[in-house]
PDB file of N, CA and C in Angstrom:
ATOM      1  N   MET A   1      45.966  85.734 -76.849  1.00  0.00           N
ATOM      2  CA  MET A   1      44.883  84.762 -76.988  1.00  0.00           C
ATOM      3  C   MET A   1      43.659  85.246 -76.213  1.00  0.00           C
ATOM      4  N   THR A   2      42.523  85.231 -76.872  1.00  0.00           N
ATOM      5  CA  THR A   2      41.312  85.713 -76.216  1.00  0.00           C
ATOM      6  C   THR A   2      40.420  84.548 -75.815  1.00  0.00           C
ATOM      7  N   ASN A   3      39.619  84.798 -74.831  1.00  0.00           N
ATOM      8  CA  ASN A   3      38.627  83.817 -74.390  1.00  0.00           C
ATOM      9  C   ASN A   3      37.249  84.333 -74.763  1.00  0.00           C
ATOM     10  N   GLU A   4      37.061  84.583 -76.040  1.00  0.00           N
ATOM     11  CA  GLU A   4      35.797  85.126 -76.537  1.00  0.00           C
ATOM     12  C   GLU A   4      34.690  84.089 -76.366  1.00  0.00           C
ATOM     13  N   GLN A   5      33.528  84.563 -75.951  1.00  0.00           N
ATOM     14  CA  GLN A   5      32.365  83.693 -75.811  1.00  0.00           C
ATOM     15  C   GLN A   5      31.636  83.638 -77.148  1.00  0.00           C
ATOM     16  N   TYR A   6      31.184  82.459 -77.519  1.00  0.00           N
ATOM     17  CA  TYR A   6      30.466  82.258 -78.778  1.00  0.00           C
ATOM     18  C   TYR A   6      29.057  81.755 -78.506  1.00  0.00           C
ATOM     19  N   TYR A   7      28.136  82.140 -79.394  1.00  0.00           N
ATOM     20  CA  TYR A   7      26.752  81.692 -79.311  1.00  0.00           C
ATOM     21  C   TYR A   7      26.360  81.001 -80.609  1.00  0.00           C
ATOM     22  N   THR A   8      25.414  80.092 -80.508  1.00  0.00           N
ATOM     23  CA  THR A   8      24.837  79.476 -81.702  1.00  0.00           C
ATOM     24  C   THR A   8      23.685  80.359 -82.180  1.00  0.00           C
ATOM     25  N   ILE A   9      23.200  80.075 -83.371  1.00  0.00           N
ATOM     26  CA  ILE A   9      22.043  80.818 -83.885  1.00  0.00           C
ATOM     27  C   ILE A   9      20.854  80.637 -82.946  1.00  0.00           C
ATOM     28  N   GLU A  10      20.660  79.427 -82.453  1.00  0.00           N
ATOM     29  CA  GLU A  10      19.539  79.146 -81.553  1.00  0.00           C
ATOM     30  C   GLU A  10      19.614  80.009 -80.298  1.00  0.00           C
ATOM     31  N   GLU A  11      20.821  80.124 -79.724  1.00  0.00           N
ATOM     32  CA  GLU A  11      20.994  80.913 -78.501  1.00  0.00           C
ATOM     33  C   GLU A  11      20.717  82.393 -78.753  1.00  0.00           C
ATOM     34  N   VAL A  12      21.221  82.903 -79.871  1.00  0.00           N
ATOM     35  CA  VAL A  12      20.997  84.311 -80.212  1.00  0.00           C
ATOM     36  C   VAL A  12      19.509  84.561 -80.438  1.00  0.00           C
ATOM     37  N   ALA A  13      18.852  83.656 -81.140  1.00  0.00           N
ATOM     38  CA  ALA A  13      17.415  83.798 -81.397  1.00  0.00           C
ATOM     39  C   ALA A  13      16.634  83.859 -80.085  1.00  0.00           C
ATOM     40  N   LYS A  14      16.989  83.001 -79.141  1.00  0.00           N
ATOM     41  CA  LYS A  14      16.314  83.000 -77.838  1.00  0.00           C
ATOM     42  C   LYS A  14      16.553  84.306 -77.093  1.00  0.00           C
ATOM     43  N   MET A  15      17.808  84.767 -77.091  1.00  0.00           N
ATOM     44  CA  MET A  15      18.151  85.999 -76.374  1.00  0.00           C
ATOM     45  C   MET A  15      17.417  87.209 -76.934  1.00  0.00           C
ATOM     46  N   LEU A  16      17.302  87.271 -78.257  1.00  0.00           N
ATOM     47  CA  LEU A  16      16.687  88.429 -78.909  1.00  0.00           C
ATOM     48  C   LEU A  16      15.193  88.255 -79.147  1.00  0.00           C
ATOM     49  N   LYS A  17      14.685  87.072 -78.788  1.00  0.00           N
ATOM     50  CA  LYS A  17      13.260  86.750 -78.945  1.00  0.00           C
ATOM     51  C   LYS A  17      12.806  86.906 -80.394  1.00  0.00           C
ATOM     52  N   VAL A  18      13.601  86.298 -81.284  1.00  0.00           N
ATOM     53  CA  VAL A  18      13.270  86.266 -82.710  1.00  0.00           C
ATOM     54  C   VAL A  18      13.392  84.822 -83.188  1.00  0.00           C
ATOM     55  N   ALA A  19      12.946  84.570 -84.392  1.00  0.00           N
ATOM     56  CA  ALA A  19      13.003  83.226 -84.959  1.00  0.00           C
ATOM     57  C   ALA A  19      14.429  82.873 -85.389  1.00  0.00           C
ATOM     58  N   TYR A  20      14.721  81.582 -85.390  1.00  0.00           N
ATOM     59  CA  TYR A  20      16.010  81.065 -85.862  1.00  0.00           C
ATOM     60  C   TYR A  20      16.317  81.609 -87.253  1.00  0.00           C
ATOM     61  N   LEU A  21      15.317  81.562 -88.144  1.00  0.00           N
ATOM     62  CA  LEU A  21      15.522  82.007 -89.526  1.00  0.00           C
ATOM     63  C   LEU A  21      15.834  83.497 -89.630  1.00  0.00           C
ATOM     64  N   THR A  22      15.348  84.280 -88.691  1.00  0.00           N
ATOM     65  CA  THR A  22      15.661  85.711 -88.687  1.00  0.00           C
ATOM     66  C   THR A  22      17.149  85.918 -88.448  1.00  0.00           C
ATOM     67  N   VAL A  23      17.699  85.233 -87.462  1.00  0.00           N
ATOM     68  CA  VAL A  23      19.135  85.344 -87.164  1.00  0.00           C
ATOM     69  C   VAL A  23      19.940  84.816 -88.343  1.00  0.00           C
ATOM     70  N   TYR A  24      19.517  83.699 -88.893  1.00  0.00           N
ATOM     71  CA  TYR A  24      20.204  83.121 -90.053  1.00  0.00           C
ATOM     72  C   TYR A  24      20.218  84.117 -91.222  1.00  0.00           C
ATOM     73  N   ARG A  25      19.101  84.777 -91.451  1.00  0.00           N
ATOM     74  CA  ARG A  25      18.991  85.767 -92.523  1.00  0.00           C
ATOM     75  C   ARG A  25      19.933  86.949 -92.279  1.00  0.00           C
ATOM     76  N   TRP A  26      20.020  87.415 -91.034  1.00  0.00           N
ATOM     77  CA  TRP A  26      20.946  88.506 -90.704  1.00  0.00           C
ATOM     78  C   TRP A  26      22.378  88.111 -91.046  1.00  0.00           C
ATOM     79  N   ILE A  27      22.731  86.863 -90.769  1.00  0.00           N
ATOM     80  CA  ILE A  27      24.076  86.373 -91.090  1.00  0.00           C
ATOM     81  C   ILE A  27      24.272  86.352 -92.600  1.00  0.00           C
ATOM     82  N   GLN A  28      23.296  85.816 -93.327  1.00  0.00           N
ATOM     83  CA  GLN A  28      23.399  85.727 -94.783  1.00  0.00           C
ATOM     84  C   GLN A  28      23.491  87.103 -95.441  1.00  0.00           C
ATOM     85  N   LEU A  29      22.824  88.087 -94.868  1.00  0.00           N
ATOM     86  CA  LEU A  29      22.836  89.445 -95.411  1.00  0.00           C
ATOM     87  C   LEU A  29      24.062  90.243 -94.973  1.00  0.00           C
ATOM     88  N   GLY A  30      24.857  89.655 -94.077  1.00  0.00           N
ATOM     89  CA  GLY A  30      26.058  90.343 -93.608  1.00  0.00           C
ATOM     90  C   GLY A  30      25.794  91.346 -92.499  1.00  0.00           C
ATOM     91  N   LYS A  31      24.600  91.327 -91.949  1.00  0.00           N
ATOM     92  CA  LYS A  31      24.264  92.254 -90.863  1.00  0.00           C
ATOM     93  C   LYS A  31      24.844  91.796 -89.531  1.00  0.00           C
ATOM     94  N   LEU A  32      24.959  90.491 -89.357  1.00  0.00           N
ATOM     95  CA  LEU A  32      25.509  89.910 -88.135  1.00  0.00           C
ATOM     96  C   LEU A  32      26.671  89.013 -88.539  1.00  0.00           C
ATOM     97  N   HIS A  33      27.852  89.348 -88.065  1.00  0.00           N
ATOM     98  CA  HIS A  33      29.044  88.590 -88.441  1.00  0.00           C
ATOM     99  C   HIS A  33      29.158  87.327 -87.596  1.00  0.00           C
ATOM    100  N   SER A  34      29.572  86.252 -88.247  1.00  0.00           N
ATOM    101  CA  SER A  34      29.702  84.970 -87.562  1.00  0.00           C
ATOM    102  C   SER A  34      30.861  84.191 -88.159  1.00  0.00           C
ATOM    103  N   LYS A  35      31.190  83.105 -87.481  1.00  0.00           N
ATOM    104  CA  LYS A  35      32.197  82.170 -87.981  1.00  0.00           C
ATOM    105  C   LYS A  35      31.511  80.827 -88.124  1.00  0.00           C
ATOM    106  N   LYS A  36      31.923  80.080 -89.106  1.00  0.00           N
ATOM    107  CA  LYS A  36      31.319  78.773 -89.321  1.00  0.00           C
ATOM    108  C   LYS A  36      32.246  77.705 -88.757  1.00  0.00           C
ATOM    109  N   ALA A  37      31.698  76.870 -87.883  1.00  0.00           N
ATOM    110  CA  ALA A  37      32.432  75.755 -87.296  1.00  0.00           C
ATOM    111  C   ALA A  37      31.741  74.486 -87.770  1.00  0.00           C
ATOM    112  N   GLY A  38      32.308  73.857 -88.792  1.00  0.00           N
ATOM    113  CA  GLY A  38      31.637  72.707 -89.388  1.00  0.00           C
ATOM    114  C   GLY A  38      30.386  73.186 -90.089  1.00  0.00           C
ATOM    115  N   LYS A  39      29.242  72.668 -89.665  1.00  0.00           N
ATOM    116  CA  LYS A  39      27.970  73.081 -90.266  1.00  0.00           C
ATOM    117  C   LYS A  39      27.275  74.174 -89.461  1.00  0.00           C
ATOM    118  N   GLN A  40      27.807  74.472 -88.285  1.00  0.00           N
ATOM    119  CA  GLN A  40      27.149  75.446 -87.414  1.00  0.00           C
ATOM    120  C   GLN A  40      27.815  76.808 -87.471  1.00  0.00           C
ATOM    121  N   TYR A  41      26.987  77.832 -87.356  1.00  0.00           N
ATOM    122  CA  TYR A  41      27.486  79.199 -87.254  1.00  0.00           C
ATOM    123  C   TYR A  41      27.717  79.520 -85.787  1.00  0.00           C
ATOM    124  N   ARG A  42      28.776  80.273 -85.520  1.00  0.00           N
ATOM    125  CA  ARG A  42      29.081  80.736 -84.166  1.00  0.00           C
ATOM    126  C   ARG A  42      29.194  82.252 -84.204  1.00  0.00           C
ATOM    127  N   ILE A  43      28.494  82.891 -83.295  1.00  0.00           N
ATOM    128  CA  ILE A  43      28.497  84.346 -83.233  1.00  0.00           C
ATOM    129  C   ILE A  43      29.258  84.759 -81.978  1.00  0.00           C
ATOM    130  N   GLU A  44      30.305  85.567 -82.160  1.00  0.00           N
ATOM    131  CA  GLU A  44      31.073  86.049 -81.013  1.00  0.00           C
ATOM    132  C   GLU A  44      30.224  87.026 -80.213  1.00  0.00           C
ATOM    133  N   LYS A  45      30.404  86.998 -78.892  1.00  0.00           N
ATOM    134  CA  LYS A  45      29.669  87.910 -78.023  1.00  0.00           C
ATOM    135  C   LYS A  45      29.917  89.353 -78.433  1.00  0.00           C
ATOM    136  N   SER A  46      31.163  89.691 -78.755  1.00  0.00           N
ATOM    137  CA  SER A  46      31.488  91.070 -79.142  1.00  0.00           C
ATOM    138  C   SER A  46      30.753  91.476 -80.426  1.00  0.00           C
ATOM    139  N   GLU A  47      30.611  90.546 -81.371  1.00  0.00           N
ATOM    140  CA  GLU A  47      29.878  90.836 -82.613  1.00  0.00           C
ATOM    141  C   GLU A  47      28.388  91.025 -82.328  1.00  0.00           C
ATOM    142  N   LEU A  48      27.854  90.206 -81.439  1.00  0.00           N
ATOM    143  CA  LEU A  48      26.445  90.339 -81.069  1.00  0.00           C
ATOM    144  C   LEU A  48      26.212  91.678 -80.371  1.00  0.00           C
ATOM    145  N   ASP A  49      27.136  92.063 -79.486  1.00  0.00           N
ATOM    146  CA  ASP A  49      27.024  93.352 -78.795  1.00  0.00           C
ATOM    147  C   ASP A  49      27.028  94.509 -79.794  1.00  0.00           C
ATOM    148  N   LYS A  50      27.933  94.450 -80.782  1.00  0.00           N
ATOM    149  CA  LYS A  50      27.996  95.499 -81.818  1.00  0.00           C
ATOM    150  C   LYS A  50      26.683  95.556 -82.601  1.00  0.00           C
ATOM    151  N   PHE A  51      26.188  94.385 -82.994  1.00  0.00           N
ATOM    152  CA  PHE A  51      24.944  94.302 -83.761  1.00  0.00           C
ATOM    153  C   PHE A  51      23.784  94.910 -82.974  1.00  0.00           C
ATOM    154  N   MET A  52      23.696  94.564 -81.691  1.00  0.00           N
ATOM    155  CA  MET A  52      22.607  95.073 -80.862  1.00  0.00           C
ATOM    156  C   MET A  52      22.716  96.588 -80.700  1.00  0.00           C
ATOM    157  N   GLU A  53      23.916  97.103 -80.565  1.00  0.00           N
ATOM    158  CA  GLU A  53      24.118  98.550 -80.438  1.00  0.00           C
ATOM    159  C   GLU A  53      23.706  99.271 -81.724  1.00  0.00           C
ATOM    160  N   LEU A  54      24.090  98.724 -82.865  1.00  0.00           N
ATOM    161  CA  LEU A  54      23.741  99.340 -84.151  1.00  0.00           C
ATOM    162  C   LEU A  54      22.239  99.318 -84.408  1.00  0.00           C
ATOM    163  N   THR A  55      21.592  98.215 -84.075  1.00  0.00           N
ATOM    164  CA  THR A  55      20.155  98.111 -84.334  1.00  0.00           C
ATOM    165  C   THR A  55      19.354  98.944 -83.341  1.00  0.00           C
ATOM    166  N   LYS A  56      19.914  99.169 -82.162  1.00  0.00           N
ATOM    167  CA  LYS A  56      19.230  99.982 -81.158  1.00  0.00           C
ATOM    168  C   LYS A  56      19.167 101.449 -81.596  1.00  0.00           C
ATOM    169  N   ARG A  57      20.170 101.890 -82.327  1.00  0.00           N
ATOM    170  CA  ARG A  57      20.247 103.287 -82.761  1.00  0.00           C
ATOM    171  C   ARG A  57      19.244 103.632 -83.846  1.00  0.00           C
ATOM    172  N   LYS A  58      18.821 102.643 -84.617  1.00  0.00           N
ATOM    173  CA  LYS A  58      17.936 102.917 -85.762  1.00  0.00           C
ATOM    174  C   LYS A  58      16.538 103.256 -85.335  1.00  0.00           C
TER     175      LYS A  58
END
């Protein structure tokens, strides 16, 4: 059992200094993996770390 930390779209947007819709679009395009909890998306810290590493390389 893991104790993975999860973020909302709002939290990720604040951390990356981008708009809410930008993060939402990344999820819709499959660039940022997330899980849906009810109506809200949750992004695992490990997935966010992977995404940031991949985008940093480009």
